[in-house]
N, C-alpha and C. Protein backbone atom coordinates (compact mmCIF):
# COMPACT_ATOMS: atom_id res chain seq x y z
N MET A 1 -12.57 -4.05 20.30
CA MET A 1 -13.72 -4.35 19.47
C MET A 1 -13.35 -4.34 17.99
N ALA A 2 -12.57 -3.35 17.56
CA ALA A 2 -12.17 -3.27 16.16
C ALA A 2 -11.36 -4.49 15.75
N GLU A 3 -10.57 -5.05 16.67
CA GLU A 3 -9.76 -6.22 16.35
C GLU A 3 -10.63 -7.39 15.92
N SER A 4 -11.73 -7.65 16.61
CA SER A 4 -12.59 -8.78 16.24
C SER A 4 -13.28 -8.52 14.91
N HIS A 5 -13.64 -7.26 14.63
CA HIS A 5 -14.28 -6.95 13.36
C HIS A 5 -13.30 -7.06 12.20
N ALA A 6 -12.03 -6.81 12.44
CA ALA A 6 -11.03 -6.90 11.38
C ALA A 6 -10.99 -8.30 10.80
N ALA A 7 -11.06 -9.31 11.66
CA ALA A 7 -11.02 -10.69 11.19
C ALA A 7 -12.23 -11.02 10.32
N ASP A 8 -13.36 -10.38 10.57
CA ASP A 8 -14.56 -10.61 9.78
C ASP A 8 -14.51 -9.89 8.44
N ARG A 9 -13.85 -8.75 8.36
CA ARG A 9 -13.88 -7.91 7.16
C ARG A 9 -12.61 -7.90 6.34
N ILE A 10 -11.49 -8.33 6.93
CA ILE A 10 -10.21 -8.25 6.24
C ILE A 10 -9.52 -9.61 6.24
N ARG A 11 -8.99 -9.97 5.07
CA ARG A 11 -8.16 -11.17 4.94
C ARG A 11 -6.82 -10.75 4.35
N LEU A 12 -5.75 -11.26 4.93
CA LEU A 12 -4.41 -11.03 4.41
C LEU A 12 -3.88 -12.33 3.83
N ARG A 13 -3.19 -12.24 2.70
CA ARG A 13 -2.53 -13.42 2.16
C ARG A 13 -1.31 -12.99 1.37
N HIS A 14 -0.31 -13.85 1.35
CA HIS A 14 0.89 -13.55 0.57
C HIS A 14 0.58 -13.75 -0.90
N GLY A 15 1.02 -12.81 -1.72
CA GLY A 15 0.82 -12.91 -3.16
C GLY A 15 1.60 -14.07 -3.74
N SER A 16 1.19 -14.50 -4.91
CA SER A 16 1.86 -15.63 -5.57
C SER A 16 2.41 -15.17 -6.91
N GLY A 17 3.50 -14.49 -6.88
CA GLY A 17 4.10 -14.00 -8.12
C GLY A 17 4.71 -12.63 -7.92
N ARG A 18 5.16 -12.08 -9.02
CA ARG A 18 5.84 -10.78 -9.00
C ARG A 18 4.88 -9.70 -9.46
N LEU A 19 4.79 -8.62 -8.70
CA LEU A 19 3.96 -7.47 -9.07
C LEU A 19 4.84 -6.24 -9.21
N GLN A 20 4.40 -5.36 -10.12
CA GLN A 20 5.06 -4.07 -10.30
C GLN A 20 4.02 -2.97 -10.25
N VAL A 21 4.45 -1.80 -9.79
CA VAL A 21 3.62 -0.60 -9.80
C VAL A 21 4.27 0.36 -10.79
N LEU A 22 3.49 0.79 -11.80
CA LEU A 22 4.01 1.66 -12.85
C LEU A 22 3.26 2.98 -12.87
N LEU A 23 4.01 4.05 -13.13
CA LEU A 23 3.43 5.39 -13.27
C LEU A 23 4.22 6.13 -14.33
N ASP A 24 3.55 6.52 -15.39
CA ASP A 24 4.20 7.28 -16.47
C ASP A 24 5.48 6.60 -16.97
N GLY A 25 5.44 5.27 -17.09
CA GLY A 25 6.60 4.54 -17.58
C GLY A 25 7.68 4.28 -16.56
N HIS A 26 7.52 4.76 -15.34
CA HIS A 26 8.49 4.52 -14.27
C HIS A 26 7.97 3.41 -13.36
N CYS A 27 8.88 2.57 -12.90
CA CYS A 27 8.52 1.51 -11.97
C CYS A 27 8.69 2.03 -10.54
N LEU A 28 7.57 2.18 -9.84
CA LEU A 28 7.59 2.65 -8.45
C LEU A 28 7.86 1.53 -7.46
N ALA A 29 7.44 0.31 -7.82
CA ALA A 29 7.63 -0.84 -6.92
C ALA A 29 7.71 -2.11 -7.75
N ASP A 30 8.48 -3.08 -7.23
CA ASP A 30 8.68 -4.35 -7.92
C ASP A 30 9.05 -5.37 -6.86
N SER A 31 8.21 -6.39 -6.69
CA SER A 31 8.50 -7.37 -5.63
C SER A 31 7.73 -8.67 -5.84
N THR A 32 8.31 -9.75 -5.31
CA THR A 32 7.61 -11.03 -5.21
C THR A 32 7.11 -11.24 -3.78
N ASP A 33 7.44 -10.31 -2.89
CA ASP A 33 7.05 -10.39 -1.48
C ASP A 33 5.94 -9.39 -1.18
N VAL A 34 4.78 -9.63 -1.78
CA VAL A 34 3.65 -8.71 -1.67
C VAL A 34 2.57 -9.36 -0.81
N ILE A 35 1.96 -8.56 0.07
CA ILE A 35 0.83 -9.04 0.86
C ILE A 35 -0.45 -8.46 0.28
N GLU A 36 -1.39 -9.34 -0.03
CA GLU A 36 -2.70 -8.91 -0.54
C GLU A 36 -3.63 -8.67 0.64
N LEU A 37 -4.29 -7.52 0.64
CA LEU A 37 -5.27 -7.21 1.68
C LEU A 37 -6.65 -7.18 1.02
N HIS A 38 -7.49 -8.12 1.40
CA HIS A 38 -8.85 -8.22 0.89
C HIS A 38 -9.78 -7.70 1.98
N GLU A 39 -10.41 -6.55 1.72
CA GLU A 39 -11.33 -5.94 2.69
C GLU A 39 -12.71 -5.82 2.07
N THR A 40 -13.72 -6.29 2.78
CA THR A 40 -15.09 -6.24 2.30
C THR A 40 -15.45 -4.84 1.83
N GLY A 41 -15.95 -4.76 0.59
CA GLY A 41 -16.41 -3.49 0.04
C GLY A 41 -15.33 -2.63 -0.61
N TYR A 42 -14.08 -3.12 -0.66
CA TYR A 42 -12.98 -2.35 -1.24
C TYR A 42 -12.21 -3.21 -2.23
N PRO A 43 -11.52 -2.56 -3.18
CA PRO A 43 -10.66 -3.34 -4.08
C PRO A 43 -9.49 -3.95 -3.31
N VAL A 44 -8.95 -5.03 -3.84
CA VAL A 44 -7.76 -5.65 -3.23
C VAL A 44 -6.63 -4.63 -3.23
N ARG A 45 -5.92 -4.55 -2.12
CA ARG A 45 -4.75 -3.67 -2.01
C ARG A 45 -3.52 -4.55 -1.86
N TYR A 46 -2.45 -4.14 -2.50
CA TYR A 46 -1.21 -4.90 -2.50
C TYR A 46 -0.17 -4.11 -1.71
N TYR A 47 0.34 -4.70 -0.65
CA TYR A 47 1.31 -4.04 0.22
C TYR A 47 2.72 -4.55 -0.09
N PHE A 48 3.56 -3.62 -0.56
CA PHE A 48 4.92 -3.92 -0.98
C PHE A 48 5.90 -3.62 0.15
N PRO A 49 6.94 -4.46 0.30
CA PRO A 49 7.98 -4.13 1.28
C PRO A 49 8.76 -2.91 0.79
N ARG A 50 9.23 -2.10 1.70
CA ARG A 50 9.98 -0.90 1.29
C ARG A 50 11.20 -1.24 0.45
N ALA A 51 11.79 -2.41 0.68
CA ALA A 51 12.96 -2.81 -0.11
C ALA A 51 12.61 -2.94 -1.59
N GLY A 52 11.34 -3.16 -1.92
CA GLY A 52 10.92 -3.29 -3.30
C GLY A 52 10.32 -2.02 -3.88
N VAL A 53 10.38 -0.92 -3.14
CA VAL A 53 9.79 0.35 -3.56
C VAL A 53 10.90 1.36 -3.85
N GLU A 54 10.77 2.08 -4.94
CA GLU A 54 11.72 3.16 -5.27
C GLU A 54 11.38 4.37 -4.41
N MET A 55 11.84 4.36 -3.17
CA MET A 55 11.49 5.41 -2.22
C MET A 55 11.99 6.78 -2.67
N GLY A 56 13.00 6.82 -3.53
CA GLY A 56 13.50 8.09 -4.05
C GLY A 56 12.50 8.80 -4.95
N LEU A 57 11.49 8.07 -5.46
CA LEU A 57 10.45 8.66 -6.30
C LEU A 57 9.24 9.10 -5.47
N LEU A 58 9.24 8.77 -4.17
CA LEU A 58 8.12 9.10 -3.30
C LEU A 58 8.51 10.19 -2.31
N THR A 59 7.53 11.01 -1.97
CA THR A 59 7.72 12.09 -1.01
C THR A 59 6.62 12.01 0.04
N PRO A 60 6.96 11.99 1.33
CA PRO A 60 5.90 11.99 2.35
C PRO A 60 5.03 13.24 2.21
N THR A 61 3.73 13.08 2.44
CA THR A 61 2.82 14.22 2.45
C THR A 61 2.31 14.42 3.88
N ALA A 62 1.58 15.47 4.09
CA ALA A 62 1.02 15.75 5.42
C ALA A 62 -0.24 14.95 5.70
N THR A 63 -0.75 14.25 4.72
CA THR A 63 -2.01 13.52 4.88
C THR A 63 -1.86 12.35 5.84
N ARG A 64 -2.80 12.24 6.75
CA ARG A 64 -2.90 11.12 7.69
C ARG A 64 -4.37 10.72 7.75
N THR A 65 -4.63 9.43 7.83
CA THR A 65 -6.00 8.96 8.01
C THR A 65 -6.01 7.89 9.09
N HIS A 66 -7.20 7.63 9.61
CA HIS A 66 -7.37 6.59 10.62
C HIS A 66 -8.40 5.59 10.12
N CYS A 67 -8.04 4.32 10.16
CA CYS A 67 -8.96 3.23 9.85
C CYS A 67 -9.19 2.47 11.15
N PRO A 68 -10.44 2.25 11.56
CA PRO A 68 -10.69 1.55 12.81
C PRO A 68 -10.24 0.09 12.79
N LEU A 69 -9.98 -0.46 11.60
CA LEU A 69 -9.55 -1.85 11.49
C LEU A 69 -8.05 -2.01 11.31
N LYS A 70 -7.40 -0.96 10.80
CA LYS A 70 -5.96 -1.06 10.51
C LYS A 70 -5.12 -0.10 11.34
N GLY A 71 -5.62 1.06 11.66
CA GLY A 71 -4.86 2.04 12.45
C GLY A 71 -4.60 3.31 11.67
N GLU A 72 -3.48 3.99 12.01
CA GLU A 72 -3.13 5.28 11.42
C GLU A 72 -2.26 5.08 10.18
N ALA A 73 -2.65 5.74 9.09
CA ALA A 73 -1.89 5.65 7.83
C ALA A 73 -1.20 6.97 7.53
N GLU A 74 0.00 6.87 6.96
CA GLU A 74 0.71 8.03 6.44
C GLU A 74 0.75 7.89 4.92
N TYR A 75 0.82 9.03 4.21
CA TYR A 75 0.71 9.02 2.75
C TYR A 75 1.95 9.57 2.08
N PHE A 76 2.08 9.21 0.78
CA PHE A 76 3.22 9.61 -0.03
C PHE A 76 2.74 10.06 -1.40
N GLY A 77 3.41 11.06 -1.93
CA GLY A 77 3.20 11.48 -3.31
C GLY A 77 4.30 10.88 -4.17
N ALA A 78 4.06 10.80 -5.49
CA ALA A 78 5.06 10.26 -6.42
C ALA A 78 5.46 11.32 -7.43
N ARG A 79 6.75 11.44 -7.66
CA ARG A 79 7.26 12.38 -8.67
C ARG A 79 7.98 11.56 -9.74
N THR A 80 7.42 11.56 -10.95
CA THR A 80 8.06 10.89 -12.07
C THR A 80 8.37 11.87 -13.19
N GLY A 81 8.10 13.13 -12.95
CA GLY A 81 8.34 14.20 -13.92
C GLY A 81 8.26 15.51 -13.17
N PRO A 82 7.80 16.56 -13.82
CA PRO A 82 7.73 17.85 -13.15
C PRO A 82 6.64 17.94 -12.07
N ALA A 83 5.61 17.14 -12.18
CA ALA A 83 4.50 17.22 -11.23
C ALA A 83 4.56 16.08 -10.21
N VAL A 84 3.98 16.33 -9.05
CA VAL A 84 3.87 15.31 -8.01
C VAL A 84 2.43 14.82 -7.97
N LEU A 85 2.24 13.51 -8.00
CA LEU A 85 0.92 12.92 -7.85
C LEU A 85 0.72 12.69 -6.35
N ALA A 86 -0.08 13.54 -5.71
CA ALA A 86 -0.23 13.53 -4.25
C ALA A 86 -0.96 12.28 -3.75
N ASP A 87 -0.54 11.81 -2.61
CA ASP A 87 -1.24 10.76 -1.86
C ASP A 87 -1.56 9.52 -2.70
N VAL A 88 -0.61 9.08 -3.49
CA VAL A 88 -0.80 7.92 -4.35
C VAL A 88 -0.44 6.61 -3.64
N ALA A 89 0.26 6.72 -2.52
CA ALA A 89 0.66 5.54 -1.75
C ALA A 89 0.47 5.82 -0.27
N TRP A 90 0.32 4.74 0.50
CA TRP A 90 0.18 4.90 1.95
C TRP A 90 0.79 3.72 2.67
N SER A 91 1.01 3.93 3.95
CA SER A 91 1.63 2.91 4.78
C SER A 91 1.07 3.02 6.20
N TYR A 92 1.04 1.89 6.88
CA TYR A 92 0.67 1.84 8.29
C TYR A 92 1.94 1.51 9.07
N PRO A 93 2.65 2.52 9.59
CA PRO A 93 3.91 2.26 10.29
C PRO A 93 3.74 1.40 11.55
N ALA A 94 2.63 1.58 12.25
CA ALA A 94 2.35 0.83 13.48
C ALA A 94 0.87 0.45 13.48
N PRO A 95 0.48 -0.52 12.64
CA PRO A 95 -0.94 -0.87 12.55
C PRO A 95 -1.43 -1.58 13.81
N LEU A 96 -2.73 -1.75 13.88
CA LEU A 96 -3.31 -2.53 14.97
C LEU A 96 -2.75 -3.95 14.91
N PRO A 97 -2.69 -4.66 16.04
CA PRO A 97 -2.04 -5.97 16.09
C PRO A 97 -2.51 -6.97 15.02
N ALA A 98 -3.79 -7.00 14.70
CA ALA A 98 -4.28 -7.96 13.70
C ALA A 98 -3.71 -7.68 12.31
N MET A 99 -3.22 -6.47 12.09
CA MET A 99 -2.69 -6.07 10.78
C MET A 99 -1.17 -5.97 10.78
N ALA A 100 -0.52 -6.54 11.78
CA ALA A 100 0.94 -6.46 11.91
C ALA A 100 1.70 -6.84 10.64
N PRO A 101 1.24 -7.81 9.85
CA PRO A 101 2.01 -8.16 8.64
C PRO A 101 2.18 -7.02 7.64
N ILE A 102 1.32 -6.00 7.66
CA ILE A 102 1.47 -4.90 6.70
C ILE A 102 2.28 -3.73 7.27
N ALA A 103 2.78 -3.85 8.48
CA ALA A 103 3.52 -2.75 9.12
C ALA A 103 4.68 -2.28 8.25
N GLY A 104 4.70 -0.98 7.96
CA GLY A 104 5.78 -0.38 7.21
C GLY A 104 5.75 -0.60 5.71
N ARG A 105 4.89 -1.48 5.24
CA ARG A 105 4.78 -1.73 3.80
C ARG A 105 3.98 -0.62 3.14
N LEU A 106 4.10 -0.51 1.82
CA LEU A 106 3.37 0.52 1.08
C LEU A 106 2.36 -0.09 0.13
N ALA A 107 1.18 0.52 0.10
CA ALA A 107 0.14 0.17 -0.87
C ALA A 107 -0.04 1.37 -1.79
N PHE A 108 -0.52 1.11 -3.00
CA PHE A 108 -0.68 2.15 -4.01
C PHE A 108 -2.12 2.20 -4.47
N ASP A 109 -2.57 3.40 -4.85
CA ASP A 109 -3.92 3.61 -5.35
C ASP A 109 -4.01 3.05 -6.77
N GLY A 110 -4.63 1.89 -6.91
CA GLY A 110 -4.72 1.21 -8.19
C GLY A 110 -5.53 1.93 -9.24
N GLU A 111 -6.24 2.98 -8.87
CA GLU A 111 -6.96 3.78 -9.86
C GLU A 111 -6.09 4.89 -10.43
N ARG A 112 -4.92 5.12 -9.82
CA ARG A 112 -4.04 6.21 -10.26
C ARG A 112 -2.69 5.73 -10.77
N VAL A 113 -2.38 4.46 -10.52
CA VAL A 113 -1.16 3.84 -11.04
C VAL A 113 -1.56 2.50 -11.65
N GLN A 114 -0.65 1.91 -12.41
CA GLN A 114 -0.88 0.56 -12.93
C GLN A 114 -0.22 -0.43 -12.00
N ILE A 115 -0.95 -1.47 -11.63
CA ILE A 115 -0.37 -2.57 -10.86
C ILE A 115 -0.46 -3.79 -11.75
N VAL A 116 0.70 -4.32 -12.14
CA VAL A 116 0.75 -5.38 -13.15
C VAL A 116 1.56 -6.57 -12.67
N THR A 117 1.24 -7.74 -13.22
CA THR A 117 2.07 -8.91 -12.97
C THR A 117 3.27 -8.84 -13.91
N ALA A 118 4.40 -9.27 -13.41
CA ALA A 118 5.62 -9.19 -14.22
C ALA A 118 6.18 -10.57 -14.48
């Protein structure tokens, strides 16, 4: 049932250009291979391939959430100085079939980091 609702509420499309994720002057992600996730009632989320993410600046957290349209998400904190910004990024390692294109990619909380065109 959730699969049919996903098509009504979520649209995926490949981005057209280069995006970067910035935090405190550090680049957390940089890629031209970004998938835009448009979900009714939510801001657009940009899913970056891990190859374009500075994984050395991210630390897995214990946070897990479940979305009935996407599946189980795991979260990451970012360290760009002495403090860690908890749960600033997330990934769906094994999303529901309709969301397979975002599998393993990372999205960032656009209210806590800057997402800019480069």
